[in-house]
Amino acid sequence: MFRTALIATALAVVATPSTVAAGAEDDAVRELADAAAELVAEEQTLVATAATDPTASTARLRVVDGTGSMVLEQFDELGVQLTAASRAVLSPLPAQGQGFAPPSQVYDAALDDLMRISATPAAALPTESGSNGPALGLLAVAAMSLLVLGAAALANSLRRRESDDELAAMAWSDGLTGLANRRRLDHDIASHDIDDPVAVIMVDVDNFKSVNDRFGHQEGDEILRRVASMLSAHVRYDDVVYRYGGEEFCIMLPGATEDDARGVADRVLEAARTIVLPDQTNLTISVGVARTDDVEVTDVATTVETADKALIAAKTAGRDRIVDATTIELSPA
C-alpha cells in the first residue's frame, strides 16, 4: 500500500527542480501506481465473485472501492496523467445492480496503464512546458518495458507489500471482519457534504461478554464475523457498514429517508435472531437510529453520537429492539 508520508514528500518536492527532487517524485508515483494496481486487481476479482455470490464480497468491495477513490485523488494531486480506463476503475462504482462495474477489458487496460506508470513514472508527470501528454520517447521506453517484463512483472508488482506497521497505519478495513474500520468512518465523516442527508444506524451485540465467557474468544470472534456478514447482506448497496469497536457496528446510509433507515434496521434486527449460538440459543442485537434531519446540528458526527445514544436507550430498555432517536428524549452530550 502507498504511504502518506511518501506522498506528502512528493507533493513538497514538486516545486523544487532538482535531480534529487525529481527522483523522489518518481518514487512516489511508482509507489502509488503499484498500490493502485493491487487495488484494481483485487476489485476485478471481487466484482467477478459478486456476480455469482453477492454477499461474499460486498463488504470488502466497498472498502476497496473507497480506497481506490482516495488513490485517484492522490494521482490528481501529483498531476499524474491517467488513461480513461484507470480513472473509470479507480472512481467510485455506481449503484446499478449486477451491471455496475466496468467490463473486464477495462480492468485489464487499467492494469496495463498502471504498469506503464510504475515502469516509467516520469512519463505520466506533467512537463515543465505544461504539456498534458508524456513525451513520445518515454512512451516508447514504457512500451518496450512492458514487452520485456510481461505478465511476470505484473505478478511481481501485485505481490509487493509494505512492512506490517505501514499496513496497520494505512489499512482501511477491519482485520477480523473485513468491514470498513473506525479510521475509515472518521475519514468519511470528515469528508461528508453537510448538504447531503444521511442516516446512521448503530448496532451492538447483546450480552457479548457473556458469549465470550461461555464459549471462548475464538467463538466470539466467529460470531462477530457472522454478524458482519449479516449486516452487509441486509443493507442497501450504497450503505457502508463499519466495525465501530468491539461488538459495536455502525451503518451509514447516504440519502436515506426515515422509512429507508427503519427498513434496514428492521431487517438486521430480524436477521440477527437467525444466528444460532453454540448452546442453540439465538443471538440478539440492539439498534439505535438517527438521521441528520433529526438533530439540531445536521452533521454526520452529531448524527453518529445521537444514534449511539438511541442504541444505549435500546439496551437500557431490555435489548433486542430498535430505538429511533426521534421517539425518546435524549440528554445533551
C-alpha atoms as a PDB file:
ATOM      1  CA  MET A   1       0.000   0.000   0.000  1.00  0.00           C
ATOM      2  CA  PHE A   2       1.115   3.576  -0.578  1.00  0.00           C
ATOM      3  CA  ARG A   3       2.460   5.666   2.307  1.00  0.00           C
ATOM      4  CA  THR A   4       1.056   9.038   3.346  1.00  0.00           C
ATOM      5  CA  ALA A   5       4.471  10.353   4.313  1.00  0.00           C
ATOM      6  CA  LEU A   6       5.882   9.418   0.921  1.00  0.00           C
ATOM      7  CA  ILE A   7       3.058  11.163  -0.927  1.00  0.00           C
ATOM      8  CA  ALA A   8       3.414  14.276   1.256  1.00  0.00           C
ATOM      9  CA  THR A   9       7.132  14.340   0.475  1.00  0.00           C
ATOM     10  CA  ALA A  10       6.421  14.048  -3.248  1.00  0.00           C
ATOM     11  CA  LEU A  11       3.973  16.933  -3.146  1.00  0.00           C
ATOM     12  CA  ALA A  12       6.531  19.041  -1.297  1.00  0.00           C
ATOM     13  CA  VAL A  13       9.349  18.398  -3.749  1.00  0.00           C
ATOM     14  CA  VAL A  14       7.353  19.041  -6.937  1.00  0.00           C
ATOM     15  CA  ALA A  15       8.200  22.723  -6.666  1.00  0.00           C
ATOM     16  CA  THR A  16      11.943  22.019  -6.180  1.00  0.00           C
ATOM     17  CA  PRO A  17      13.536  21.476  -9.616  1.00  0.00           C
ATOM     18  CA  SER A  18      16.493  19.255  -8.849  1.00  0.00           C
ATOM     19  CA  THR A  19      17.672  15.778  -9.702  1.00  0.00           C
ATOM     20  CA  VAL A  20      17.074  14.597  -6.129  1.00  0.00           C
ATOM     21  CA  ALA A  21      13.554  16.055  -6.040  1.00  0.00           C
ATOM     22  CA  ALA A  22      12.706  14.504  -9.397  1.00  0.00           C
ATOM     23  CA  GLY A  23      13.896  11.119  -8.166  1.00  0.00           C
ATOM     24  CA  ALA A  24      11.777  11.354  -5.034  1.00  0.00           C
ATOM     25  CA  GLU A  25       8.776  12.354  -7.115  1.00  0.00           C
ATOM     26  CA  ASP A  26       9.303   9.392  -9.439  1.00  0.00           C
ATOM     27  CA  ASP A  27       9.495   7.059  -6.431  1.00  0.00           C
ATOM     28  CA  ALA A  28       6.235   8.452  -5.064  1.00  0.00           C
ATOM     29  CA  VAL A  29       4.450   7.958  -8.385  1.00  0.00           C
ATOM     30  CA  ARG A  30       5.859   4.447  -8.776  1.00  0.00           C
ATOM     31  CA  GLU A  31       4.759   3.530  -5.245  1.00  0.00           C
ATOM     32  CA  LEU A  32       1.291   4.920  -5.856  1.00  0.00           C
ATOM     33  CA  ALA A  33       0.976   3.079  -9.184  1.00  0.00           C
ATOM     34  CA  ASP A  34       1.895  -0.231  -7.523  1.00  0.00           C
ATOM     35  CA  ALA A  35      -0.667   0.360  -4.772  1.00  0.00           C
ATOM     36  CA  ALA A  36      -3.314   1.222  -7.365  1.00  0.00           C
ATOM     37  CA  ALA A  37      -2.537  -1.936  -9.351  1.00  0.00           C
ATOM     38  CA  GLU A  38      -3.119  -4.049  -6.235  1.00  0.00           C
ATOM     39  CA  LEU A  39      -6.490  -2.396  -5.688  1.00  0.00           C
ATOM     40  CA  VAL A  40      -7.529  -2.768  -9.338  1.00  0.00           C
ATOM     41  CA  ALA A  41      -6.628  -6.463  -9.372  1.00  0.00           C
ATOM     42  CA  GLU A  42      -8.500  -7.094  -6.122  1.00  0.00           C
ATOM     43  CA  GLU A  43     -11.557  -5.148  -7.274  1.00  0.00           C
ATOM     44  CA  GLN A  44     -11.637  -7.112 -10.543  1.00  0.00           C
ATOM     45  CA  THR A  45     -11.638 -10.367  -8.573  1.00  0.00           C
ATOM     46  CA  LEU A  46     -14.320  -9.130  -6.157  1.00  0.00           C
ATOM     47  CA  VAL A  47     -16.547  -7.924  -8.991  1.00  0.00           C
ATOM     48  CA  ALA A  48     -16.319 -11.336 -10.663  1.00  0.00           C
ATOM     49  CA  THR A  49     -17.171 -13.029  -7.352  1.00  0.00           C
ATOM     50  CA  ALA A  50     -20.097 -10.683  -6.702  1.00  0.00           C
ATOM     51  CA  ALA A  51     -21.707 -11.765  -9.963  1.00  0.00           C
ATOM     52  CA  THR A  52     -22.298 -15.256  -8.549  1.00  0.00           C
ATOM     53  CA  ASP A  53     -22.240 -14.650  -4.777  1.00  0.00           C
ATOM     54  CA  PRO A  54     -23.001 -11.008  -3.878  1.00  0.00           C
ATOM     55  CA  THR A  55     -22.905 -11.472  -0.085  1.00  0.00           C
ATOM     56  CA  ALA A  56     -19.424 -12.990  -0.148  1.00  0.00           C
ATOM     57  CA  SER A  57     -17.613  -9.891  -1.358  1.00  0.00           C
ATOM     58  CA  THR A  58     -19.918  -6.893  -0.880  1.00  0.00           C
ATOM     59  CA  ALA A  59     -18.280  -5.537   2.284  1.00  0.00           C
ATOM     60  CA  ARG A  60     -14.712  -5.876   1.026  1.00  0.00           C
ATOM     61  CA  LEU A  61     -15.674  -4.464  -2.387  1.00  0.00           C
ATOM     62  CA  ARG A  62     -16.951  -1.298  -0.746  1.00  0.00           C
ATOM     63  CA  VAL A  63     -13.694  -0.887   1.177  1.00  0.00           C
ATOM     64  CA  VAL A  64     -11.557  -1.451  -1.932  1.00  0.00           C
ATOM     65  CA  ASP A  65     -13.760   0.883  -3.987  1.00  0.00           C
ATOM     66  CA  GLY A  66     -13.452   3.647  -1.394  1.00  0.00           C
ATOM     67  CA  THR A  67      -9.703   3.238  -1.109  1.00  0.00           C
ATOM     68  CA  GLY A  68      -9.418   3.415  -4.900  1.00  0.00           C
ATOM     69  CA  SER A  69     -11.150   6.792  -4.848  1.00  0.00           C
ATOM     70  CA  MET A  70      -8.563   8.118  -2.411  1.00  0.00           C
ATOM     71  CA  VAL A  71      -5.728   6.780  -4.574  1.00  0.00           C
ATOM     72  CA  LEU A  72      -7.257   8.585  -7.555  1.00  0.00           C
ATOM     73  CA  GLU A  73      -7.227  11.813  -5.529  1.00  0.00           C
ATOM     74  CA  GLN A  74      -3.521  11.294  -4.792  1.00  0.00           C
ATOM     75  CA  PHE A  75      -2.802  10.799  -8.511  1.00  0.00           C
ATOM     76  CA  ASP A  76      -4.607  14.060  -9.274  1.00  0.00           C
ATOM     77  CA  GLU A  77      -2.679  15.916  -6.570  1.00  0.00           C
ATOM     78  CA  LEU A  78       0.569  14.743  -8.112  1.00  0.00           C
ATOM     79  CA  GLY A  79      -0.644  15.744 -11.581  1.00  0.00           C
ATOM     80  CA  VAL A  80      -0.283  12.186 -12.918  1.00  0.00           C
ATOM     81  CA  GLN A  81      -1.799  11.645 -16.361  1.00  0.00           C
ATOM     82  CA  LEU A  82      -4.074   8.585 -16.199  1.00  0.00           C
ATOM     83  CA  THR A  83      -5.933   6.898 -19.032  1.00  0.00           C
ATOM     84  CA  ALA A  84      -9.725   6.818 -19.093  1.00  0.00           C
ATOM     85  CA  ALA A  85      -9.601   3.123 -18.155  1.00  0.00           C
ATOM     86  CA  SER A  86      -7.638   3.785 -14.961  1.00  0.00           C
ATOM     87  CA  ARG A  87      -9.934   6.628 -13.989  1.00  0.00           C
ATOM     88  CA  ALA A  88     -13.034   4.523 -14.599  1.00  0.00           C
ATOM     89  CA  VAL A  89     -11.774   1.667 -12.420  1.00  0.00           C
ATOM     90  CA  LEU A  90     -10.472   3.830  -9.553  1.00  0.00           C
ATOM     91  CA  SER A  91     -13.588   6.043  -9.491  1.00  0.00           C
ATOM     92  CA  PRO A  92     -16.481   5.075  -7.170  1.00  0.00           C
ATOM     93  CA  LEU A  93     -18.689   2.327  -8.543  1.00  0.00           C
ATOM     94  CA  PRO A  94     -22.275   3.446  -9.258  1.00  0.00           C
ATOM     95  CA  ALA A  95     -25.165   1.560  -7.694  1.00  0.00           C
ATOM     96  CA  GLN A  96     -26.673  -0.230 -10.677  1.00  0.00           C
ATOM     97  CA  GLY A  97     -27.176  -3.798  -9.583  1.00  0.00           C
ATOM     98  CA  GLN A  98     -25.235  -6.544 -11.343  1.00  0.00           C
ATOM     99  CA  GLY A  99     -24.160  -4.237 -14.209  1.00  0.00           C
ATOM    100  CA  PHE A 100     -22.454  -1.639 -12.013  1.00  0.00           C
ATOM    101  CA  ALA A 101     -18.827  -2.483 -12.812  1.00  0.00           C
ATOM    102  CA  PRO A 102     -16.739  -1.811 -15.927  1.00  0.00           C
ATOM    103  CA  PRO A 103     -16.115  -4.836 -18.194  1.00  0.00           C
ATOM    104  CA  SER A 104     -13.018  -6.965 -17.654  1.00  0.00           C
ATOM    105  CA  GLN A 105     -11.284  -5.363 -20.647  1.00  0.00           C
ATOM    106  CA  VAL A 106     -11.332  -2.010 -18.839  1.00  0.00           C
ATOM    107  CA  TYR A 107      -9.691  -3.549 -15.777  1.00  0.00           C
ATOM    108  CA  ASP A 108      -7.031  -5.126 -17.988  1.00  0.00           C
ATOM    109  CA  ALA A 109      -6.376  -1.798 -19.725  1.00  0.00           C
ATOM    110  CA  ALA A 110      -6.113  -0.034 -16.355  1.00  0.00           C
ATOM    111  CA  LEU A 111      -3.540  -2.571 -15.152  1.00  0.00           C
ATOM    112  CA  ASP A 112      -1.517  -2.009 -18.324  1.00  0.00           C
ATOM    113  CA  ASP A 113      -1.631   1.739 -17.716  1.00  0.00           C
ATOM    114  CA  LEU A 114      -0.522   1.395 -14.100  1.00  0.00           C
ATOM    115  CA  MET A 115       2.269  -0.963 -15.131  1.00  0.00           C
ATOM    116  CA  ARG A 116       3.441   1.681 -17.598  1.00  0.00           C
ATOM    117  CA  ILE A 117       3.400   4.351 -14.921  1.00  0.00           C
ATOM    118  CA  SER A 118       5.316   2.137 -12.496  1.00  0.00           C
ATOM    119  CA  ALA A 119       7.939   1.340 -15.137  1.00  0.00           C
ATOM    120  CA  THR A 120       8.470   4.976 -16.208  1.00  0.00           C
ATOM    121  CA  PRO A 121       6.791   7.352 -13.737  1.00  0.00           C
ATOM    122  CA  ALA A 122       8.275  10.455 -15.370  1.00  0.00           C
ATOM    123  CA  ALA A 123       6.208   9.717 -18.493  1.00  0.00           C
ATOM    124  CA  ALA A 124       2.995  10.255 -16.562  1.00  0.00           C
ATOM    125  CA  LEU A 125       4.027  13.515 -14.876  1.00  0.00           C
ATOM    126  CA  PRO A 126       3.359  16.961 -16.348  1.00  0.00           C
ATOM    127  CA  THR A 127       6.327  18.520 -18.107  1.00  0.00           C
ATOM    128  CA  GLU A 128       7.728  21.940 -17.290  1.00  0.00           C
ATOM    129  CA  SER A 129       6.293  23.303 -20.516  1.00  0.00           C
ATOM    130  CA  GLY A 130       2.802  22.369 -19.319  1.00  0.00           C
ATOM    131  CA  SER A 131       2.221  19.627 -21.884  1.00  0.00           C
ATOM    132  CA  ASN A 132      -0.635  17.303 -20.932  1.00  0.00           C
ATOM    133  CA  GLY A 133       0.878  14.249 -22.551  1.00  0.00           C
ATOM    134  CA  PRO A 134       4.047  12.254 -21.903  1.00  0.00           C
ATOM    135  CA  ALA A 135       6.979  12.577 -24.267  1.00  0.00           C
ATOM    136  CA  LEU A 136       6.937  10.151 -27.193  1.00  0.00           C
ATOM    137  CA  GLY A 137      10.370   8.892 -26.282  1.00  0.00           C
ATOM    138  CA  LEU A 138       9.264   7.991 -22.769  1.00  0.00           C
ATOM    139  CA  LEU A 139       6.171   6.275 -24.121  1.00  0.00           C
ATOM    140  CA  ALA A 140       8.405   4.159 -26.331  1.00  0.00           C
ATOM    141  CA  VAL A 141      10.517   3.197 -23.321  1.00  0.00           C
ATOM    142  CA  ALA A 142       7.372   2.312 -21.372  1.00  0.00           C
ATOM    143  CA  ALA A 143       6.049   0.163 -24.214  1.00  0.00           C
ATOM    144  CA  MET A 144       9.392  -1.628 -24.518  1.00  0.00           C
ATOM    145  CA  SER A 145       9.442  -2.218 -20.754  1.00  0.00           C
ATOM    146  CA  LEU A 146       6.009  -3.806 -20.916  1.00  0.00           C
ATOM    147  CA  LEU A 147       7.069  -6.128 -23.706  1.00  0.00           C
ATOM    148  CA  VAL A 148      10.126  -7.258 -21.766  1.00  0.00           C
ATOM    149  CA  LEU A 149       8.517  -7.544 -18.353  1.00  0.00           C
ATOM    150  CA  GLY A 150       5.247  -9.114 -19.493  1.00  0.00           C
ATOM    151  CA  ALA A 151       2.959 -10.957 -17.134  1.00  0.00           C
ATOM    152  CA  ALA A 152       5.742 -11.784 -14.678  1.00  0.00           C
ATOM    153  CA  ALA A 153       6.311  -8.107 -13.907  1.00  0.00           C
ATOM    154  CA  LEU A 154       2.614  -7.615 -13.231  1.00  0.00           C
ATOM    155  CA  ALA A 155       2.600 -10.565 -10.840  1.00  0.00           C
ATOM    156  CA  ASN A 156       5.651  -9.204  -9.027  1.00  0.00           C
ATOM    157  CA  SER A 157       4.072  -5.776  -8.782  1.00  0.00           C
ATOM    158  CA  LEU A 158       0.892  -7.161  -7.245  1.00  0.00           C
ATOM    159  CA  ARG A 159       2.877  -9.193  -4.687  1.00  0.00           C
ATOM    160  CA  ARG A 160       4.677  -6.170  -3.274  1.00  0.00           C
ATOM    161  CA  ARG A 161       3.703  -5.348   0.290  1.00  0.00           C
ATOM    162  CA  GLU A 162       4.728  -2.751   2.812  1.00  0.00           C
ATOM    163  CA  SER A 163       6.000  -3.607   6.307  1.00  0.00           C
ATOM    164  CA  ASP A 164       3.473  -4.613   8.965  1.00  0.00           C
ATOM    165  CA  ASP A 165       3.481  -1.232  10.696  1.00  0.00           C
ATOM    166  CA  GLU A 166       2.848   0.603   7.426  1.00  0.00           C
ATOM    167  CA  LEU A 167      -0.020  -1.752   6.579  1.00  0.00           C
ATOM    168  CA  ALA A 168      -1.537  -1.135  10.010  1.00  0.00           C
ATOM    169  CA  ALA A 169      -1.210   2.622   9.572  1.00  0.00           C
ATOM    170  CA  MET A 170      -2.817   2.680   6.129  1.00  0.00           C
ATOM    171  CA  ALA A 171      -5.425  -0.099   6.447  1.00  0.00           C
ATOM    172  CA  TRP A 172      -8.999   1.000   5.889  1.00  0.00           C
ATOM    173  CA  SER A 173     -10.582  -2.363   6.722  1.00  0.00           C
ATOM    174  CA  ASP A 174     -11.058  -4.225   9.976  1.00  0.00           C
ATOM    175  CA  GLY A 175      -8.776  -7.255  10.177  1.00  0.00           C
ATOM    176  CA  LEU A 176     -11.307  -9.521  11.905  1.00  0.00           C
ATOM    177  CA  THR A 177     -14.492  -8.840   9.958  1.00  0.00           C
ATOM    178  CA  GLY A 178     -13.305  -7.317   6.669  1.00  0.00           C
ATOM    179  CA  LEU A 179     -15.648  -4.359   7.179  1.00  0.00           C
ATOM    180  CA  ALA A 180     -14.580  -0.743   6.901  1.00  0.00           C
ATOM    181  CA  ASN A 181     -12.900   0.254  10.158  1.00  0.00           C
ATOM    182  CA  ARG A 182     -13.175   3.186  12.566  1.00  0.00           C
ATOM    183  CA  ARG A 183     -10.412   5.077  10.744  1.00  0.00           C
ATOM    184  CA  ARG A 184     -12.380   4.852   7.509  1.00  0.00           C
ATOM    185  CA  LEU A 185     -15.515   6.030   9.350  1.00  0.00           C
ATOM    186  CA  ASP A 186     -13.675   9.078  10.706  1.00  0.00           C
ATOM    187  CA  HIS A 187     -12.463   9.864   7.166  1.00  0.00           C
ATOM    188  CA  ASP A 188     -15.958   9.504   5.698  1.00  0.00           C
ATOM    189  CA  ILE A 189     -17.464  11.712   8.412  1.00  0.00           C
ATOM    190  CA  ALA A 190     -14.883  14.423   7.792  1.00  0.00           C
ATOM    191  CA  SER A 191     -15.383  14.350   4.005  1.00  0.00           C
ATOM    192  CA  HIS A 192     -19.200  14.177   4.012  1.00  0.00           C
ATOM    193  CA  ASP A 193     -21.045  17.038   2.321  1.00  0.00           C
ATOM    194  CA  ILE A 194     -23.181  18.682   5.009  1.00  0.00           C
ATOM    195  CA  ASP A 195     -25.950  19.323   2.456  1.00  0.00           C
ATOM    196  CA  ASP A 196     -26.402  15.608   1.745  1.00  0.00           C
ATOM    197  CA  PRO A 197     -28.824  13.888   4.162  1.00  0.00           C
ATOM    198  CA  VAL A 198     -27.634  10.717   5.812  1.00  0.00           C
ATOM    199  CA  ALA A 199     -28.993   8.226   8.316  1.00  0.00           C
ATOM    200  CA  VAL A 200     -26.876   6.349  10.834  1.00  0.00           C
ATOM    201  CA  ILE A 201     -27.664   3.021  12.467  1.00  0.00           C
ATOM    202  CA  MET A 202     -25.662   1.856  15.482  1.00  0.00           C
ATOM    203  CA  VAL A 203     -25.716  -1.868  16.300  1.00  0.00           C
ATOM    204  CA  ASP A 204     -24.462  -3.653  19.399  1.00  0.00           C
ATOM    205  CA  VAL A 205     -24.403  -7.418  20.019  1.00  0.00           C
ATOM    206  CA  ASP A 206     -26.376  -8.134  23.172  1.00  0.00           C
ATOM    207  CA  ASN A 207     -24.594  -9.767  26.125  1.00  0.00           C
ATOM    208  CA  PHE A 208     -21.425 -10.282  24.119  1.00  0.00           C
ATOM    209  CA  LYS A 209     -19.219 -10.503  27.213  1.00  0.00           C
ATOM    210  CA  SER A 210     -21.302 -13.468  28.303  1.00  0.00           C
ATOM    211  CA  VAL A 211     -20.790 -15.039  24.860  1.00  0.00           C
ATOM    212  CA  ASN A 212     -17.021 -14.746  25.248  1.00  0.00           C
ATOM    213  CA  ASP A 213     -17.117 -16.053  28.823  1.00  0.00           C
ATOM    214  CA  ARG A 214     -19.251 -19.079  27.940  1.00  0.00           C
ATOM    215  CA  PHE A 215     -17.807 -20.095  24.564  1.00  0.00           C
ATOM    216  CA  GLY A 216     -14.348 -18.520  24.438  1.00  0.00           C
ATOM    217  CA  HIS A 217     -12.899 -15.649  22.456  1.00  0.00           C
ATOM    218  CA  GLN A 218     -12.349 -17.726  19.318  1.00  0.00           C
ATOM    219  CA  GLU A 219     -16.066 -18.468  19.098  1.00  0.00           C
ATOM    220  CA  GLY A 220     -16.758 -14.837  19.974  1.00  0.00           C
ATOM    221  CA  ASP A 221     -14.653 -13.716  17.011  1.00  0.00           C
ATOM    222  CA  GLU A 222     -16.540 -16.093  14.726  1.00  0.00           C
ATOM    223  CA  ILE A 223     -19.847 -14.642  15.911  1.00  0.00           C
ATOM    224  CA  LEU A 224     -18.616 -11.112  15.154  1.00  0.00           C
ATOM    225  CA  ARG A 225     -17.684 -12.243  11.645  1.00  0.00           C
ATOM    226  CA  ARG A 226     -21.156 -13.716  11.191  1.00  0.00           C
ATOM    227  CA  VAL A 227     -22.773 -10.508  12.400  1.00  0.00           C
ATOM    228  CA  ALA A 228     -20.603  -8.515   9.976  1.00  0.00           C
ATOM    229  CA  SER A 229     -21.682 -10.728   7.064  1.00  0.00           C
ATOM    230  CA  MET A 230     -25.302 -10.474   8.128  1.00  0.00           C
ATOM    231  CA  LEU A 231     -25.187  -6.678   8.265  1.00  0.00           C
ATOM    232  CA  SER A 232     -23.519  -6.453   4.844  1.00  0.00           C
ATOM    233  CA  ALA A 233     -26.160  -8.721   3.345  1.00  0.00           C
ATOM    234  CA  HIS A 234     -29.129  -6.711   4.635  1.00  0.00           C
ATOM    235  CA  VAL A 235     -28.190  -3.110   3.843  1.00  0.00           C
ATOM    236  CA  ARG A 236     -28.709  -1.176   0.620  1.00  0.00           C
ATOM    237  CA  TYR A 237     -25.938  -1.164  -1.978  1.00  0.00           C
ATOM    238  CA  ASP A 238     -24.811   2.403  -1.223  1.00  0.00           C
ATOM    239  CA  ASP A 239     -24.783   1.861   2.552  1.00  0.00           C
ATOM    240  CA  VAL A 240     -21.457   1.332   4.296  1.00  0.00           C
ATOM    241  CA  VAL A 241     -21.006  -0.943   7.310  1.00  0.00           C
ATOM    242  CA  TYR A 242     -18.185  -0.186   9.746  1.00  0.00           C
ATOM    243  CA  ARG A 243     -16.854  -2.039  12.754  1.00  0.00           C
ATOM    244  CA  TYR A 244     -17.125   0.758  15.288  1.00  0.00           C
ATOM    245  CA  GLY A 245     -15.284  -1.047  18.053  1.00  0.00           C
ATOM    246  CA  GLY A 246     -15.568  -4.314  19.978  1.00  0.00           C
ATOM    247  CA  GLU A 247     -19.012  -5.750  19.334  1.00  0.00           C
ATOM    248  CA  GLU A 248     -20.456  -2.443  18.106  1.00  0.00           C
ATOM    249  CA  PHE A 249     -21.086  -1.651  14.442  1.00  0.00           C
ATOM    250  CA  CYS A 250     -22.101   1.472  12.539  1.00  0.00           C
ATOM    251  CA  ILE A 251     -24.050   1.691   9.287  1.00  0.00           C
ATOM    252  CA  MET A 252     -24.040   4.895   7.243  1.00  0.00           C
ATOM    253  CA  LEU A 253     -26.988   5.257   4.874  1.00  0.00           C
ATOM    254  CA  PRO A 254     -26.495   8.134   2.377  1.00  0.00           C
ATOM    255  CA  GLY A 255     -29.714   9.830   1.304  1.00  0.00           C
ATOM    256  CA  ALA A 256     -31.889   7.517   3.416  1.00  0.00           C
ATOM    257  CA  THR A 257     -35.399   8.583   4.335  1.00  0.00           C
ATOM    258  CA  GLU A 258     -36.939   7.714   7.695  1.00  0.00           C
ATOM    259  CA  ASP A 259     -38.633   4.694   6.094  1.00  0.00           C
ATOM    260  CA  ASP A 260     -35.371   3.585   4.438  1.00  0.00           C
ATOM    261  CA  ALA A 261     -33.498   3.690   7.732  1.00  0.00           C
ATOM    262  CA  ARG A 262     -36.236   1.919   9.621  1.00  0.00           C
ATOM    263  CA  GLY A 263     -36.455  -0.754   6.922  1.00  0.00           C
ATOM    264  CA  VAL A 264     -32.740  -1.546   7.175  1.00  0.00           C
ATOM    265  CA  ALA A 265     -32.929  -1.530  10.987  1.00  0.00           C
ATOM    266  CA  ASP A 266     -35.869  -3.954  10.941  1.00  0.00           C
ATOM    267  CA  ARG A 267     -34.058  -6.301   8.558  1.00  0.00           C
ATOM    268  CA  VAL A 268     -30.864  -6.504  10.575  1.00  0.00           C
ATOM    269  CA  LEU A 269     -32.761  -6.956  13.855  1.00  0.00           C
ATOM    270  CA  GLU A 270     -34.701  -9.907  12.419  1.00  0.00           C
ATOM    271  CA  ALA A 271     -31.662 -11.393  10.670  1.00  0.00           C
ATOM    272  CA  ALA A 272     -29.599 -11.324  13.873  1.00  0.00           C
ATOM    273  CA  ARG A 273     -32.126 -13.599  15.549  1.00  0.00           C
ATOM    274  CA  THR A 274     -31.352 -16.297  12.982  1.00  0.00           C
ATOM    275  CA  ILE A 275     -27.738 -16.551  14.191  1.00  0.00           C
ATOM    276  CA  VAL A 276     -27.597 -19.565  16.499  1.00  0.00           C
ATOM    277  CA  LEU A 277     -25.080 -19.708  19.346  1.00  0.00           C
ATOM    278  CA  PRO A 278     -23.281 -22.934  20.362  1.00  0.00           C
ATOM    279  CA  ASP A 279     -25.834 -23.570  23.135  1.00  0.00           C
ATOM    280  CA  GLN A 280     -28.620 -23.402  20.500  1.00  0.00           C
ATOM    281  CA  THR A 281     -29.933 -20.067  21.749  1.00  0.00           C
ATOM    282  CA  ASN A 282     -30.403 -17.208  19.302  1.00  0.00           C
ATOM    283  CA  LEU A 283     -28.286 -14.108  19.105  1.00  0.00           C
ATOM    284  CA  THR A 284     -29.926 -10.696  19.539  1.00  0.00           C
ATOM    285  CA  ILE A 285     -28.784  -7.157  18.872  1.00  0.00           C
ATOM    286  CA  SER A 286     -29.791  -3.677  19.997  1.00  0.00           C
ATOM    287  CA  VAL A 287     -30.186  -0.929  17.421  1.00  0.00           C
ATOM    288  CA  GLY A 288     -30.199   2.870  17.523  1.00  0.00           C
ATOM    289  CA  VAL A 289     -31.276   5.010  14.547  1.00  0.00           C
ATOM    290  CA  ALA A 290     -30.809   8.719  13.803  1.00  0.00           C
ATOM    291  CA  ARG A 291     -30.848  10.964  10.722  1.00  0.00           C
ATOM    292  CA  THR A 292     -29.252  14.317  10.036  1.00  0.00           C
ATOM    293  CA  ASP A 293     -32.757  15.776   9.706  1.00  0.00           C
ATOM    294  CA  ASP A 294     -33.478  14.682  13.277  1.00  0.00           C
ATOM    295  CA  VAL A 295     -30.676  16.552  15.037  1.00  0.00           C
ATOM    296  CA  GLU A 296     -30.217  20.272  15.629  1.00  0.00           C
ATOM    297  CA  VAL A 297     -26.726  20.314  14.086  1.00  0.00           C
ATOM    298  CA  THR A 298     -27.046  18.499  10.756  1.00  0.00           C
ATOM    299  CA  ASP A 299     -23.584  16.961  10.554  1.00  0.00           C
ATOM    300  CA  VAL A 300     -22.707  13.290  10.428  1.00  0.00           C
ATOM    301  CA  ALA A 301     -20.588  13.296  13.594  1.00  0.00           C
ATOM    302  CA  THR A 302     -23.537  14.550  15.649  1.00  0.00           C
ATOM    303  CA  THR A 303     -25.824  12.049  13.956  1.00  0.00           C
ATOM    304  CA  VAL A 304     -23.481   9.182  14.903  1.00  0.00           C
ATOM    305  CA  GLU A 305     -23.468  10.386  18.517  1.00  0.00           C
ATOM    306  CA  THR A 306     -27.262  10.658  18.506  1.00  0.00           C
ATOM    307  CA  ALA A 307     -27.676   7.158  17.070  1.00  0.00           C
ATOM    308  CA  ASP A 308     -25.305   5.861  19.743  1.00  0.00           C
ATOM    309  CA  LYS A 309     -27.458   7.435  22.457  1.00  0.00           C
ATOM    310  CA  ALA A 310     -30.505   5.769  20.907  1.00  0.00           C
ATOM    311  CA  LEU A 311     -28.597   2.474  20.976  1.00  0.00           C
ATOM    312  CA  ILE A 312     -27.878   2.893  24.684  1.00  0.00           C
ATOM    313  CA  ALA A 313     -31.570   3.565  25.226  1.00  0.00           C
ATOM    314  CA  ALA A 314     -32.399   0.326  23.375  1.00  0.00           C
ATOM    315  CA  LYS A 315     -30.081  -1.679  25.609  1.00  0.00           C
ATOM    316  CA  THR A 316     -31.424   0.017  28.754  1.00  0.00           C
ATOM    317  CA  ALA A 317     -34.989  -0.778  27.687  1.00  0.00           C
ATOM    318  CA  GLY A 318     -34.222  -4.516  27.566  1.00  0.00           C
ATOM    319  CA  ARG A 319     -32.160  -5.172  24.397  1.00  0.00           C
ATOM    320  CA  ASP A 320     -33.299  -6.978  21.211  1.00  0.00           C
ATOM    321  CA  ARG A 321     -35.058  -3.867  19.934  1.00  0.00           C
ATOM    322  CA  ILE A 322     -34.794  -0.710  17.854  1.00  0.00           C
ATOM    323  CA  VAL A 323     -34.920   2.787  19.299  1.00  0.00           C
ATOM    324  CA  ASP A 324     -35.304   5.755  16.965  1.00  0.00           C
ATOM    325  CA  ALA A 325     -33.762   8.983  18.216  1.00  0.00           C
ATOM    326  CA  THR A 326     -36.967  10.869  17.397  1.00  0.00           C
ATOM    327  CA  THR A 327     -39.031   8.786  19.835  1.00  0.00           C
ATOM    328  CA  ILE A 328     -37.052   9.478  23.003  1.00  0.00           C
ATOM    329  CA  GLU A 329     -35.780  12.444  24.926  1.00  0.00           C
ATOM    330  CA  LEU A 330     -32.026  12.394  24.675  1.00  0.00           C
ATOM    331  CA  SER A 331     -29.872  14.077  27.289  1.00  0.00           C
ATOM    332  CA  PRO A 332     -27.301  16.552  25.904  1.00  0.00           C
ATOM    333  CA  ALA A 333     -23.737  15.348  25.378  1.00  0.00           C
END
